[in-house]
Amino acid sequence: MLEIDGKESRMTSQKTQPITLKIAVVGDVHDQWEVEDGIALKHLGVDLVLFVGDFGNESVEVVKAIASLDIPKAAVMGNHDAWYTATEWGRKKCPYDRSKEDWVQEQLDLLGSAHVGYGKLDFPDWNLTVVGGRPFTWGGSEWRFADICKERYGVTSPEESAAKITAAVKSAATDTIIFLGHNGPSGLGDRPEDPCGKDWHPIGGDFGDPDFAEAISQTLTAGKTIPLVTFGHMHHSLRHTKKELRKAIFRSPEGIIYLNAASVPRIVENDSQKLRNFSLVTLEAGVVTQAALVWVGNDLQVVSEEILYERSHSVVQPA
């Protein structure tokens, strides 16, 4: 057995994939993170935790709690994680003295190497690299939050952004890439119920990030394997209707599973019981075989499970 960050991993050898890798994706947190969440993840037996951002409005204490989670993890920052910094509107409402404090940087410092926005985190024992999309993205084709991208990363356009993400891929120690973004890429549909579809008036339109899509395309061209692209930002609950939910899964012709994990609110009270959700992805030999949204109750048991995707196995008939 091998040890990764103090956690025993189910490995056959250092050069091969684990028999089964269980990945938890935590959707937009929005200040809903408790000690019990870490306990639940341990109880679920996950090997890796991916956070899609929007921890809160520059919520340093929430990020501090998440950074202390002793399970291998990777995270990317969302637009709310620079809420009082990225725009003039936000700076006017800032609750702290920005000349003396920088809550955005505090969050980044707390996460350290676990923050993969415009970067990557290698897990060589699993033959896996997590690459982050553009941090602090608002979504859509319009270049929003331009100041923070320029000031923090020297990025001034979608083209430069795609190049920076692709550079992280090129520096990866493995050829199997999981992409982690706050918002998803463009190209997943333009209906309001699609994974990144615009669900406010006028409804309809693709609100995915074109720079993210371009980086994914270049990664495929480079011959890398991409089993999973996961993100949040566009909540499952639609703003224009309560009759249906956003589609959480898209499978591309190349076999990539795109997972929107933003089931918000992620903690709810139900019949005096507190329920918390996680998206669970099973990766076998570098291939996604199942993705599900689970709700965990007070006793750490899975109260409900919605299978979002399950790989079909063709049956070979005996001759």
C-alpha atoms as a PDB file:
ATOM      1  CA  MET A   1       0.000   0.000   0.000  1.00  0.00           C
ATOM      2  CA  LEU A   2       1.067   3.590  -0.633  1.00  0.00           C
ATOM      3  CA  GLU A   3       0.503   6.656   1.487  1.00  0.00           C
ATOM      4  CA  ILE A   4      -0.773   9.945   0.011  1.00  0.00           C
ATOM      5  CA  ASP A   5      -0.977  12.835   2.488  1.00  0.00           C
ATOM      6  CA  GLY A   6      -1.253  10.284   5.281  1.00  0.00           C
ATOM      7  CA  LYS A   7      -4.151   8.505   3.587  1.00  0.00           C
ATOM      8  CA  GLU A   8      -3.831   4.897   2.566  1.00  0.00           C
ATOM      9  CA  SER A   9      -4.596   4.472  -1.123  1.00  0.00           C
ATOM     10  CA  ARG A  10      -5.777   1.357  -2.869  1.00  0.00           C
ATOM     11  CA  MET A  11      -2.857   0.904  -5.251  1.00  0.00           C
ATOM     12  CA  THR A  12      -1.512  -2.035  -7.188  1.00  0.00           C
ATOM     13  CA  SER A  13       1.803  -0.375  -8.067  1.00  0.00           C
ATOM     14  CA  GLN A  14       3.212   3.124  -8.427  1.00  0.00           C
ATOM     15  CA  LYS A  15       2.942   3.043 -12.212  1.00  0.00           C
ATOM     16  CA  THR A  16      -0.646   1.831 -12.491  1.00  0.00           C
ATOM     17  CA  GLN A  17      -4.054   3.306 -11.823  1.00  0.00           C
ATOM     18  CA  PRO A  18      -5.762   2.443  -8.539  1.00  0.00           C
ATOM     19  CA  ILE A  19      -8.373  -0.298  -8.869  1.00  0.00           C
ATOM     20  CA  THR A  20     -11.024   2.269  -8.026  1.00  0.00           C
ATOM     21  CA  LEU A  21     -10.628   5.942  -7.249  1.00  0.00           C
ATOM     22  CA  LYS A  22     -13.526   7.659  -5.494  1.00  0.00           C
ATOM     23  CA  ILE A  23     -13.634  11.396  -6.096  1.00  0.00           C
ATOM     24  CA  ALA A  24     -15.943  13.805  -4.269  1.00  0.00           C
ATOM     25  CA  VAL A  25     -16.807  17.079  -5.966  1.00  0.00           C
ATOM     26  CA  VAL A  26     -18.083  19.767  -3.621  1.00  0.00           C
ATOM     27  CA  GLY A  27     -20.344  22.229  -5.394  1.00  0.00           C
ATOM     28  CA  ASP A  28     -20.619  25.933  -4.623  1.00  0.00           C
ATOM     29  CA  VAL A  29     -20.272  26.140  -0.838  1.00  0.00           C
ATOM     30  CA  HIS A  30     -21.670  29.655  -0.236  1.00  0.00           C
ATOM     31  CA  ASP A  31     -20.675  29.567   3.455  1.00  0.00           C
ATOM     32  CA  GLN A  32     -22.199  26.111   3.968  1.00  0.00           C
ATOM     33  CA  TRP A  33     -19.282  24.082   5.290  1.00  0.00           C
ATOM     34  CA  GLU A  34     -19.227  22.388   8.679  1.00  0.00           C
ATOM     35  CA  VAL A  35     -16.986  20.027  10.613  1.00  0.00           C
ATOM     36  CA  GLU A  36     -19.492  17.312   9.784  1.00  0.00           C
ATOM     37  CA  ASP A  37     -18.702  17.717   6.075  1.00  0.00           C
ATOM     38  CA  GLY A  38     -15.146  16.536   6.585  1.00  0.00           C
ATOM     39  CA  ILE A  39     -16.351  13.688   8.768  1.00  0.00           C
ATOM     40  CA  ALA A  40     -18.878  12.686   6.093  1.00  0.00           C
ATOM     41  CA  LEU A  41     -16.199  12.656   3.384  1.00  0.00           C
ATOM     42  CA  LYS A  42     -14.048  10.394   5.541  1.00  0.00           C
ATOM     43  CA  HIS A  43     -17.013   8.109   6.148  1.00  0.00           C
ATOM     44  CA  LEU A  44     -17.750   7.979   2.413  1.00  0.00           C
ATOM     45  CA  GLY A  45     -14.192   6.774   1.886  1.00  0.00           C
ATOM     46  CA  VAL A  46     -13.247   9.272  -0.807  1.00  0.00           C
ATOM     47  CA  ASP A  47      -9.683   9.384  -2.120  1.00  0.00           C
ATOM     48  CA  LEU A  48      -9.737  12.901  -3.558  1.00  0.00           C
ATOM     49  CA  VAL A  49     -11.912  15.986  -3.001  1.00  0.00           C
ATOM     50  CA  LEU A  50     -12.406  18.679  -5.645  1.00  0.00           C
ATOM     51  CA  PHE A  51     -13.841  22.088  -4.732  1.00  0.00           C
ATOM     52  CA  VAL A  52     -15.344  24.221  -7.519  1.00  0.00           C
ATOM     53  CA  GLY A  53     -15.148  27.487  -5.556  1.00  0.00           C
ATOM     54  CA  ASP A  54     -17.618  30.113  -4.349  1.00  0.00           C
ATOM     55  CA  PHE A  55     -16.733  29.314  -0.746  1.00  0.00           C
ATOM     56  CA  GLY A  56     -18.483  32.551   0.242  1.00  0.00           C
ATOM     57  CA  ASN A  57     -18.014  36.265  -0.235  1.00  0.00           C
ATOM     58  CA  GLU A  58     -14.257  36.217   0.419  1.00  0.00           C
ATOM     59  CA  SER A  59     -14.992  33.906   3.363  1.00  0.00           C
ATOM     60  CA  VAL A  60     -11.535  33.386   4.844  1.00  0.00           C
ATOM     61  CA  GLU A  61     -12.796  31.310   7.788  1.00  0.00           C
ATOM     62  CA  VAL A  62     -14.619  28.877   5.489  1.00  0.00           C
ATOM     63  CA  VAL A  63     -11.519  28.449   3.335  1.00  0.00           C
ATOM     64  CA  LYS A  64      -9.413  27.969   6.473  1.00  0.00           C
ATOM     65  CA  ALA A  65     -11.657  25.102   7.553  1.00  0.00           C
ATOM     66  CA  ILE A  66     -11.553  23.514   4.096  1.00  0.00           C
ATOM     67  CA  ALA A  67      -7.772  23.933   3.864  1.00  0.00           C
ATOM     68  CA  SER A  68      -7.421  21.898   7.068  1.00  0.00           C
ATOM     69  CA  LEU A  69      -9.216  18.911   5.528  1.00  0.00           C
ATOM     70  CA  ASP A  70      -6.746  16.021   5.670  1.00  0.00           C
ATOM     71  CA  ILE A  71      -7.843  14.339   2.452  1.00  0.00           C
ATOM     72  CA  PRO A  72      -6.013  14.965  -0.844  1.00  0.00           C
ATOM     73  CA  LYS A  73      -7.769  17.925  -2.418  1.00  0.00           C
ATOM     74  CA  ALA A  74      -7.724  20.523  -5.173  1.00  0.00           C
ATOM     75  CA  ALA A  75      -9.728  23.722  -5.474  1.00  0.00           C
ATOM     76  CA  VAL A  76     -10.348  26.655  -7.773  1.00  0.00           C
ATOM     77  CA  MET A  77     -11.642  30.064  -6.734  1.00  0.00           C
ATOM     78  CA  GLY A  78     -15.048  31.345  -7.849  1.00  0.00           C
ATOM     79  CA  ASN A  79     -16.356  34.846  -8.542  1.00  0.00           C
ATOM     80  CA  HIS A  80     -17.714  35.172  -4.983  1.00  0.00           C
ATOM     81  CA  ASP A  81     -14.241  34.464  -3.641  1.00  0.00           C
ATOM     82  CA  ALA A  82     -13.197  37.884  -4.983  1.00  0.00           C
ATOM     83  CA  TRP A  83     -16.557  39.558  -4.324  1.00  0.00           C
ATOM     84  CA  TYR A  84     -15.149  42.694  -2.674  1.00  0.00           C
ATOM     85  CA  THR A  85     -12.006  42.885  -4.774  1.00  0.00           C
ATOM     86  CA  ALA A  86     -12.711  42.155  -8.432  1.00  0.00           C
ATOM     87  CA  THR A  87     -15.107  45.006  -9.296  1.00  0.00           C
ATOM     88  CA  GLU A  88     -15.677  48.630  -8.414  1.00  0.00           C
ATOM     89  CA  TRP A  89     -19.174  47.720  -7.242  1.00  0.00           C
ATOM     90  CA  GLY A  90     -17.758  45.147  -4.826  1.00  0.00           C
ATOM     91  CA  ARG A  91     -14.973  47.414  -3.587  1.00  0.00           C
ATOM     92  CA  LYS A  92     -17.539  50.027  -2.580  1.00  0.00           C
ATOM     93  CA  LYS A  93     -19.284  47.432  -0.391  1.00  0.00           C
ATOM     94  CA  CYS A  94     -16.087  45.948   1.048  1.00  0.00           C
ATOM     95  CA  PRO A  95     -16.460  45.285   4.827  1.00  0.00           C
ATOM     96  CA  TYR A  96     -12.715  45.536   5.529  1.00  0.00           C
ATOM     97  CA  ASP A  97      -9.900  48.006   4.910  1.00  0.00           C
ATOM     98  CA  ARG A  98      -8.365  46.865   1.632  1.00  0.00           C
ATOM     99  CA  SER A  99      -5.263  48.993   2.267  1.00  0.00           C
ATOM    100  CA  LYS A 100      -4.492  46.802   5.289  1.00  0.00           C
ATOM    101  CA  GLU A 101      -6.008  43.421   4.408  1.00  0.00           C
ATOM    102  CA  ASP A 102      -6.333  41.250   1.331  1.00  0.00           C
ATOM    103  CA  TRP A 103      -8.861  38.511   1.923  1.00  0.00           C
ATOM    104  CA  VAL A 104      -8.420  37.124  -1.594  1.00  0.00           C
ATOM    105  CA  GLN A 105      -4.733  36.532  -0.985  1.00  0.00           C
ATOM    106  CA  GLU A 106      -5.461  35.099   2.463  1.00  0.00           C
ATOM    107  CA  GLN A 107      -7.673  32.463   0.854  1.00  0.00           C
ATOM    108  CA  LEU A 108      -5.016  31.634  -1.736  1.00  0.00           C
ATOM    109  CA  ASP A 109      -2.342  31.397   0.959  1.00  0.00           C
ATOM    110  CA  LEU A 110      -4.496  29.057   3.033  1.00  0.00           C
ATOM    111  CA  LEU A 111      -5.115  26.707   0.118  1.00  0.00           C
ATOM    112  CA  GLY A 112      -1.502  26.828  -1.044  1.00  0.00           C
ATOM    113  CA  SER A 113      -0.710  24.203  -3.669  1.00  0.00           C
ATOM    114  CA  ALA A 114      -4.264  22.856  -3.434  1.00  0.00           C
ATOM    115  CA  HIS A 115      -5.423  25.901  -5.415  1.00  0.00           C
ATOM    116  CA  VAL A 116      -5.071  24.901  -9.061  1.00  0.00           C
ATOM    117  CA  GLY A 117      -6.558  27.934 -10.832  1.00  0.00           C
ATOM    118  CA  TYR A 118      -4.272  28.520 -13.827  1.00  0.00           C
ATOM    119  CA  GLY A 119      -2.125  25.705 -12.416  1.00  0.00           C
ATOM    120  CA  LYS A 120      -2.031  21.999 -11.733  1.00  0.00           C
ATOM    121  CA  LEU A 121      -1.559  19.431  -9.009  1.00  0.00           C
ATOM    122  CA  ASP A 122       0.017  16.096  -9.869  1.00  0.00           C
ATOM    123  CA  PHE A 123      -1.006  12.822  -8.242  1.00  0.00           C
ATOM    124  CA  PRO A 124       1.627  10.556  -9.816  1.00  0.00           C
ATOM    125  CA  ASP A 125       0.688   7.554  -7.676  1.00  0.00           C
ATOM    126  CA  TRP A 126      -2.695   7.667  -9.370  1.00  0.00           C
ATOM    127  CA  ASN A 127      -1.297   8.629 -12.807  1.00  0.00           C
ATOM    128  CA  LEU A 128      -3.533  11.688 -12.583  1.00  0.00           C
ATOM    129  CA  THR A 129      -3.156  15.473 -12.779  1.00  0.00           C
ATOM    130  CA  VAL A 130      -5.808  18.021 -11.795  1.00  0.00           C
ATOM    131  CA  VAL A 131      -5.613  21.185 -13.904  1.00  0.00           C
ATOM    132  CA  GLY A 132      -7.527  24.320 -12.951  1.00  0.00           C
ATOM    133  CA  GLY A 133      -9.427  26.640 -15.228  1.00  0.00           C
ATOM    134  CA  ARG A 134      -9.593  30.428 -14.901  1.00  0.00           C
ATOM    135  CA  PRO A 135      -9.967  31.437 -11.242  1.00  0.00           C
ATOM    136  CA  PHE A 136     -12.661  33.930 -10.193  1.00  0.00           C
ATOM    137  CA  THR A 137     -14.608  33.498 -13.440  1.00  0.00           C
ATOM    138  CA  TRP A 138     -18.074  35.035 -13.670  1.00  0.00           C
ATOM    139  CA  GLY A 139     -18.997  33.010 -16.752  1.00  0.00           C
ATOM    140  CA  GLY A 140     -19.941  33.681 -20.343  1.00  0.00           C
ATOM    141  CA  SER A 141     -18.180  35.079 -23.381  1.00  0.00           C
ATOM    142  CA  GLU A 142     -17.891  38.601 -21.958  1.00  0.00           C
ATOM    143  CA  TRP A 143     -14.483  39.179 -20.302  1.00  0.00           C
ATOM    144  CA  ARG A 144     -15.744  39.873 -16.772  1.00  0.00           C
ATOM    145  CA  PHE A 145     -13.544  40.387 -13.695  1.00  0.00           C
ATOM    146  CA  ALA A 146     -10.830  41.622 -16.058  1.00  0.00           C
ATOM    147  CA  ASP A 147      -8.929  43.609 -13.412  1.00  0.00           C
ATOM    148  CA  ILE A 148      -8.218  40.687 -11.121  1.00  0.00           C
ATOM    149  CA  CYS A 149      -7.051  38.458 -13.996  1.00  0.00           C
ATOM    150  CA  LYS A 150      -4.652  41.161 -15.156  1.00  0.00           C
ATOM    151  CA  GLU A 151      -3.378  42.125 -11.692  1.00  0.00           C
ATOM    152  CA  ARG A 152      -2.996  38.624 -10.248  1.00  0.00           C
ATOM    153  CA  TYR A 153      -2.078  36.586 -13.313  1.00  0.00           C
ATOM    154  CA  GLY A 154      -1.097  38.992 -16.106  1.00  0.00           C
ATOM    155  CA  VAL A 155      -3.950  37.660 -18.257  1.00  0.00           C
ATOM    156  CA  THR A 156      -5.813  40.228 -20.366  1.00  0.00           C
ATOM    157  CA  SER A 157      -7.910  38.198 -22.832  1.00  0.00           C
ATOM    158  CA  PRO A 158      -9.652  34.847 -23.327  1.00  0.00           C
ATOM    159  CA  GLU A 159      -6.850  33.840 -25.699  1.00  0.00           C
ATOM    160  CA  GLU A 160      -4.188  34.475 -23.055  1.00  0.00           C
ATOM    161  CA  SER A 161      -6.351  32.674 -20.514  1.00  0.00           C
ATOM    162  CA  ALA A 162      -6.657  29.568 -22.706  1.00  0.00           C
ATOM    163  CA  ALA A 163      -2.887  29.630 -23.253  1.00  0.00           C
ATOM    164  CA  LYS A 164      -2.244  29.805 -19.508  1.00  0.00           C
ATOM    165  CA  ILE A 165      -4.499  26.820 -18.793  1.00  0.00           C
ATOM    166  CA  THR A 166      -2.871  24.893 -21.642  1.00  0.00           C
ATOM    167  CA  ALA A 167       0.585  25.712 -20.260  1.00  0.00           C
ATOM    168  CA  ALA A 168      -0.452  24.059 -16.987  1.00  0.00           C
ATOM    169  CA  VAL A 169      -1.463  20.961 -18.952  1.00  0.00           C
ATOM    170  CA  LYS A 170       1.903  20.874 -20.697  1.00  0.00           C
ATOM    171  CA  SER A 171       3.654  20.957 -17.326  1.00  0.00           C
ATOM    172  CA  ALA A 172       1.617  18.024 -15.990  1.00  0.00           C
ATOM    173  CA  ALA A 173       3.558  14.976 -14.836  1.00  0.00           C
ATOM    174  CA  THR A 174       0.901  12.608 -16.212  1.00  0.00           C
ATOM    175  CA  ASP A 175      -1.148  12.214 -19.394  1.00  0.00           C
ATOM    176  CA  THR A 176      -4.502  11.812 -17.631  1.00  0.00           C
ATOM    177  CA  ILE A 177      -6.035  15.211 -16.922  1.00  0.00           C
ATOM    178  CA  ILE A 178      -9.033  16.091 -14.769  1.00  0.00           C
ATOM    179  CA  PHE A 179     -10.115  19.673 -15.359  1.00  0.00           C
ATOM    180  CA  LEU A 180     -11.499  21.630 -12.411  1.00  0.00           C
ATOM    181  CA  GLY A 181     -13.212  24.947 -13.038  1.00  0.00           C
ATOM    182  CA  HIS A 182     -15.573  27.296 -11.284  1.00  0.00           C
ATOM    183  CA  ASN A 183     -17.684  27.800 -14.383  1.00  0.00           C
ATOM    184  CA  GLY A 184     -17.849  25.174 -17.097  1.00  0.00           C
ATOM    185  CA  PRO A 185     -16.629  25.480 -20.679  1.00  0.00           C
ATOM    186  CA  SER A 186     -18.682  26.705 -23.593  1.00  0.00           C
ATOM    187  CA  GLY A 187     -20.045  24.113 -25.976  1.00  0.00           C
ATOM    188  CA  LEU A 188     -22.294  22.161 -23.596  1.00  0.00           C
ATOM    189  CA  GLY A 189     -25.564  23.529 -24.963  1.00  0.00           C
ATOM    190  CA  ASP A 190     -27.436  26.819 -25.177  1.00  0.00           C
ATOM    191  CA  ARG A 191     -30.751  25.870 -23.593  1.00  0.00           C
ATOM    192  CA  PRO A 192     -31.397  27.376 -20.151  1.00  0.00           C
ATOM    193  CA  GLU A 193     -31.431  23.905 -18.577  1.00  0.00           C
ATOM    194  CA  ASP A 194     -28.093  22.852 -20.106  1.00  0.00           C
ATOM    195  CA  PRO A 195     -25.063  22.541 -17.775  1.00  0.00           C
ATOM    196  CA  CYS A 196     -23.944  26.122 -18.478  1.00  0.00           C
ATOM    197  CA  GLY A 197     -27.119  27.464 -20.102  1.00  0.00           C
ATOM    198  CA  LYS A 198     -28.294  31.014 -19.383  1.00  0.00           C
ATOM    199  CA  ASP A 199     -31.366  30.703 -17.131  1.00  0.00           C
ATOM    200  CA  TRP A 200     -32.220  34.369 -16.582  1.00  0.00           C
ATOM    201  CA  HIS A 201     -34.118  36.703 -18.882  1.00  0.00           C
ATOM    202  CA  PRO A 202     -33.788  36.766 -21.756  1.00  0.00           C
ATOM    203  CA  ILE A 203     -33.349  33.060 -21.212  1.00  0.00           C
ATOM    204  CA  GLY A 204     -31.189  30.842 -23.367  1.00  0.00           C
ATOM    205  CA  GLY A 205     -27.641  31.064 -24.578  1.00  0.00           C
ATOM    206  CA  ASP A 206     -24.358  29.329 -23.781  1.00  0.00           C
ATOM    207  CA  PHE A 207     -22.820  30.908 -20.652  1.00  0.00           C
ATOM    208  CA  GLY A 208     -19.793  28.611 -20.572  1.00  0.00           C
ATOM    209  CA  ASP A 209     -16.228  29.925 -20.672  1.00  0.00           C
ATOM    210  CA  PRO A 210     -14.728  29.889 -24.197  1.00  0.00           C
ATOM    211  CA  ASP A 211     -11.149  29.974 -22.873  1.00  0.00           C
ATOM    212  CA  PHE A 212     -11.830  26.819 -20.861  1.00  0.00           C
ATOM    213  CA  ALA A 213     -13.283  25.101 -23.942  1.00  0.00           C
ATOM    214  CA  GLU A 214     -10.265  26.078 -26.038  1.00  0.00           C
ATOM    215  CA  ALA A 215      -7.842  24.706 -23.435  1.00  0.00           C
ATOM    216  CA  ILE A 216      -9.752  21.410 -23.337  1.00  0.00           C
ATOM    217  CA  SER A 217      -9.645  21.215 -27.140  1.00  0.00           C
ATOM    218  CA  GLN A 218      -5.892  21.833 -27.203  1.00  0.00           C
ATOM    219  CA  THR A 219      -5.382  19.202 -24.519  1.00  0.00           C
ATOM    220  CA  LEU A 220      -7.183  16.605 -26.630  1.00  0.00           C
ATOM    221  CA  THR A 221      -5.146  17.633 -29.679  1.00  0.00           C
ATOM    222  CA  ALA A 222      -2.001  17.061 -27.624  1.00  0.00           C
ATOM    223  CA  GLY A 223      -3.069  13.456 -27.104  1.00  0.00           C
ATOM    224  CA  LYS A 224      -3.906  13.713 -23.400  1.00  0.00           C
ATOM    225  CA  THR A 225      -6.716  11.718 -21.790  1.00  0.00           C
ATOM    226  CA  ILE A 226      -9.521  13.704 -20.128  1.00  0.00           C
ATOM    227  CA  PRO A 227     -11.951  11.516 -18.189  1.00  0.00           C
ATOM    228  CA  LEU A 228     -13.638  14.333 -16.252  1.00  0.00           C
ATOM    229  CA  VAL A 229     -14.295  18.080 -16.421  1.00  0.00           C
ATOM    230  CA  THR A 230     -16.085  19.335 -13.325  1.00  0.00           C
ATOM    231  CA  PHE A 231     -17.334  22.760 -12.300  1.00  0.00           C
ATOM    232  CA  GLY A 232     -20.185  24.665 -10.650  1.00  0.00           C
ATOM    233  CA  HIS A 233     -21.314  28.319 -10.730  1.00  0.00           C
ATOM    234  CA  MET A 234     -24.526  27.650 -12.665  1.00  0.00           C
ATOM    235  CA  HIS A 235     -26.791  26.308  -9.923  1.00  0.00           C
ATOM    236  CA  HIS A 236     -28.961  23.254 -10.524  1.00  0.00           C
ATOM    237  CA  SER A 237     -32.056  25.189  -9.429  1.00  0.00           C
ATOM    238  CA  LEU A 238     -33.148  27.314 -12.389  1.00  0.00           C
ATOM    239  CA  ARG A 239     -34.072  30.932 -11.954  1.00  0.00           C
ATOM    240  CA  HIS A 240     -36.801  31.053 -14.588  1.00  0.00           C
ATOM    241  CA  THR A 241     -38.722  27.924 -13.569  1.00  0.00           C
ATOM    242  CA  LYS A 242     -39.179  25.526 -10.659  1.00  0.00           C
ATOM    243  CA  LYS A 243     -40.587  22.767 -12.883  1.00  0.00           C
ATOM    244  CA  GLU A 244     -37.215  21.253 -13.680  1.00  0.00           C
ATOM    245  CA  LEU A 245     -33.562  21.319 -12.662  1.00  0.00           C
ATOM    246  CA  ARG A 246     -30.456  22.043 -14.657  1.00  0.00           C
ATOM    247  CA  LYS A 247     -28.876  19.062 -16.398  1.00  0.00           C
ATOM    248  CA  ALA A 248     -25.858  18.124 -14.323  1.00  0.00           C
ATOM    249  CA  ILE A 249     -24.140  15.780 -16.808  1.00  0.00           C
ATOM    250  CA  PHE A 250     -22.953  16.014 -20.393  1.00  0.00           C
ATOM    251  CA  ARG A 251     -21.001  13.276 -22.146  1.00  0.00           C
ATOM    252  CA  SER A 252     -18.999  14.425 -25.151  1.00  0.00           C
ATOM    253  CA  PRO A 253     -18.404  12.366 -28.300  1.00  0.00           C
ATOM    254  CA  GLU A 254     -14.837  11.853 -27.056  1.00  0.00           C
ATOM    255  CA  GLY A 255     -16.206  10.249 -23.899  1.00  0.00           C
ATOM    256  CA  ILE A 256     -15.419  13.127 -21.536  1.00  0.00           C
ATOM    257  CA  ILE A 257     -17.832  13.418 -18.619  1.00  0.00           C
ATOM    258  CA  TYR A 258     -18.731  17.041 -17.845  1.00  0.00           C
ATOM    259  CA  LEU A 259     -20.190  17.365 -14.343  1.00  0.00           C
ATOM    260  CA  ASN A 260     -21.887  20.456 -12.924  1.00  0.00           C
ATOM    261  CA  ALA A 261     -21.766  19.934  -9.144  1.00  0.00           C
ATOM    262  CA  ALA A 262     -23.553  23.130  -8.054  1.00  0.00           C
ATOM    263  CA  SER A 263     -26.473  21.649  -6.122  1.00  0.00           C
ATOM    264  CA  VAL A 264     -27.289  24.747  -4.049  1.00  0.00           C
ATOM    265  CA  PRO A 265     -27.984  25.021  -1.170  1.00  0.00           C
ATOM    266  CA  ARG A 266     -25.664  22.126  -0.401  1.00  0.00           C
ATOM    267  CA  ILE A 267     -26.917  21.806   3.187  1.00  0.00           C
ATOM    268  CA  VAL A 268     -30.657  21.692   3.924  1.00  0.00           C
ATOM    269  CA  GLU A 269     -32.863  20.966   6.942  1.00  0.00           C
ATOM    270  CA  ASN A 270     -35.388  18.218   6.337  1.00  0.00           C
ATOM    271  CA  ASP A 271     -37.718  16.803   9.025  1.00  0.00           C
ATOM    272  CA  SER A 272     -35.386  17.971  11.809  1.00  0.00           C
ATOM    273  CA  GLN A 273     -32.475  16.281  10.002  1.00  0.00           C
ATOM    274  CA  LYS A 274     -29.610  18.138   8.360  1.00  0.00           C
ATOM    275  CA  LEU A 275     -28.713  16.829   4.909  1.00  0.00           C
ATOM    276  CA  ARG A 276     -25.527  17.685   3.012  1.00  0.00           C
ATOM    277  CA  ASN A 277     -24.753  16.885  -0.630  1.00  0.00           C
ATOM    278  CA  PHE A 278     -21.666  15.738  -2.497  1.00  0.00           C
ATOM    279  CA  SER A 279     -21.161  14.626  -6.074  1.00  0.00           C
ATOM    280  CA  LEU A 280     -19.316  11.318  -6.169  1.00  0.00           C
ATOM    281  CA  VAL A 281     -17.370  10.179  -9.213  1.00  0.00           C
ATOM    282  CA  THR A 282     -15.925   6.693  -9.620  1.00  0.00           C
ATOM    283  CA  LEU A 283     -12.798   6.516 -11.756  1.00  0.00           C
ATOM    284  CA  GLU A 284     -11.601   3.082 -12.864  1.00  0.00           C
ATOM    285  CA  ALA A 285      -8.358   2.779 -14.838  1.00  0.00           C
ATOM    286  CA  GLY A 286      -8.683   6.432 -15.818  1.00  0.00           C
ATOM    287  CA  VAL A 287     -12.301   6.128 -16.992  1.00  0.00           C
ATOM    288  CA  VAL A 288     -15.397   7.517 -15.286  1.00  0.00           C
ATOM    289  CA  THR A 289     -17.723   4.610 -14.620  1.00  0.00           C
ATOM    290  CA  GLN A 290     -20.277   6.392 -12.433  1.00  0.00           C
ATOM    291  CA  ALA A 291     -21.266   9.846 -11.231  1.00  0.00           C
ATOM    292  CA  ALA A 292     -23.915  10.428  -8.582  1.00  0.00           C
ATOM    293  CA  LEU A 293     -25.331  13.159  -6.368  1.00  0.00           C
ATOM    294  CA  VAL A 294     -25.680  11.933  -2.793  1.00  0.00           C
ATOM    295  CA  TRP A 295     -27.249  13.439   0.301  1.00  0.00           C
ATOM    296  CA  VAL A 296     -25.775  12.416   3.649  1.00  0.00           C
ATOM    297  CA  GLY A 297     -27.790  12.552   6.876  1.00  0.00           C
ATOM    298  CA  ASN A 298     -26.966  13.137  10.542  1.00  0.00           C
ATOM    299  CA  ASP A 299     -25.859   9.515  10.993  1.00  0.00           C
ATOM    300  CA  LEU A 300     -23.424   9.863   8.044  1.00  0.00           C
ATOM    301  CA  GLN A 301     -25.511   7.436   6.007  1.00  0.00           C
ATOM    302  CA  VAL A 302     -26.462   8.193   2.402  1.00  0.00           C
ATOM    303  CA  VAL A 303     -30.122   9.191   2.583  1.00  0.00           C
ATOM    304  CA  SER A 304     -30.586   9.500  -1.175  1.00  0.00           C
ATOM    305  CA  GLU A 305     -28.512   8.861  -4.272  1.00  0.00           C
ATOM    306  CA  GLU A 306     -29.226  10.095  -7.778  1.00  0.00           C
ATOM    307  CA  ILE A 307     -27.193   8.286 -10.413  1.00  0.00           C
ATOM    308  CA  LEU A 308     -26.312  10.989 -12.935  1.00  0.00           C
ATOM    309  CA  TYR A 309     -24.182   8.826 -15.194  1.00  0.00           C
ATOM    310  CA  GLU A 310     -23.279   5.165 -15.399  1.00  0.00           C
ATOM    311  CA  ARG A 311     -20.996   3.675 -18.006  1.00  0.00           C
ATOM    312  CA  SER A 312     -22.639   0.948 -20.016  1.00  0.00           C
ATOM    313  CA  HIS A 313     -20.648  -2.250 -20.483  1.00  0.00           C
ATOM    314  CA  SER A 314     -21.299  -4.127 -23.670  1.00  0.00           C
ATOM    315  CA  VAL A 315     -21.877  -7.812 -23.069  1.00  0.00           C
ATOM    316  CA  VAL A 316     -19.981 -10.193 -25.343  1.00  0.00           C
ATOM    317  CA  GLN A 317     -22.085 -13.219 -26.089  1.00  0.00           C
ATOM    318  CA  PRO A 318     -20.295 -16.560 -25.954  1.00  0.00           C
ATOM    319  CA  ALA A 319     -19.680 -18.227 -29.307  1.00  0.00           C
END
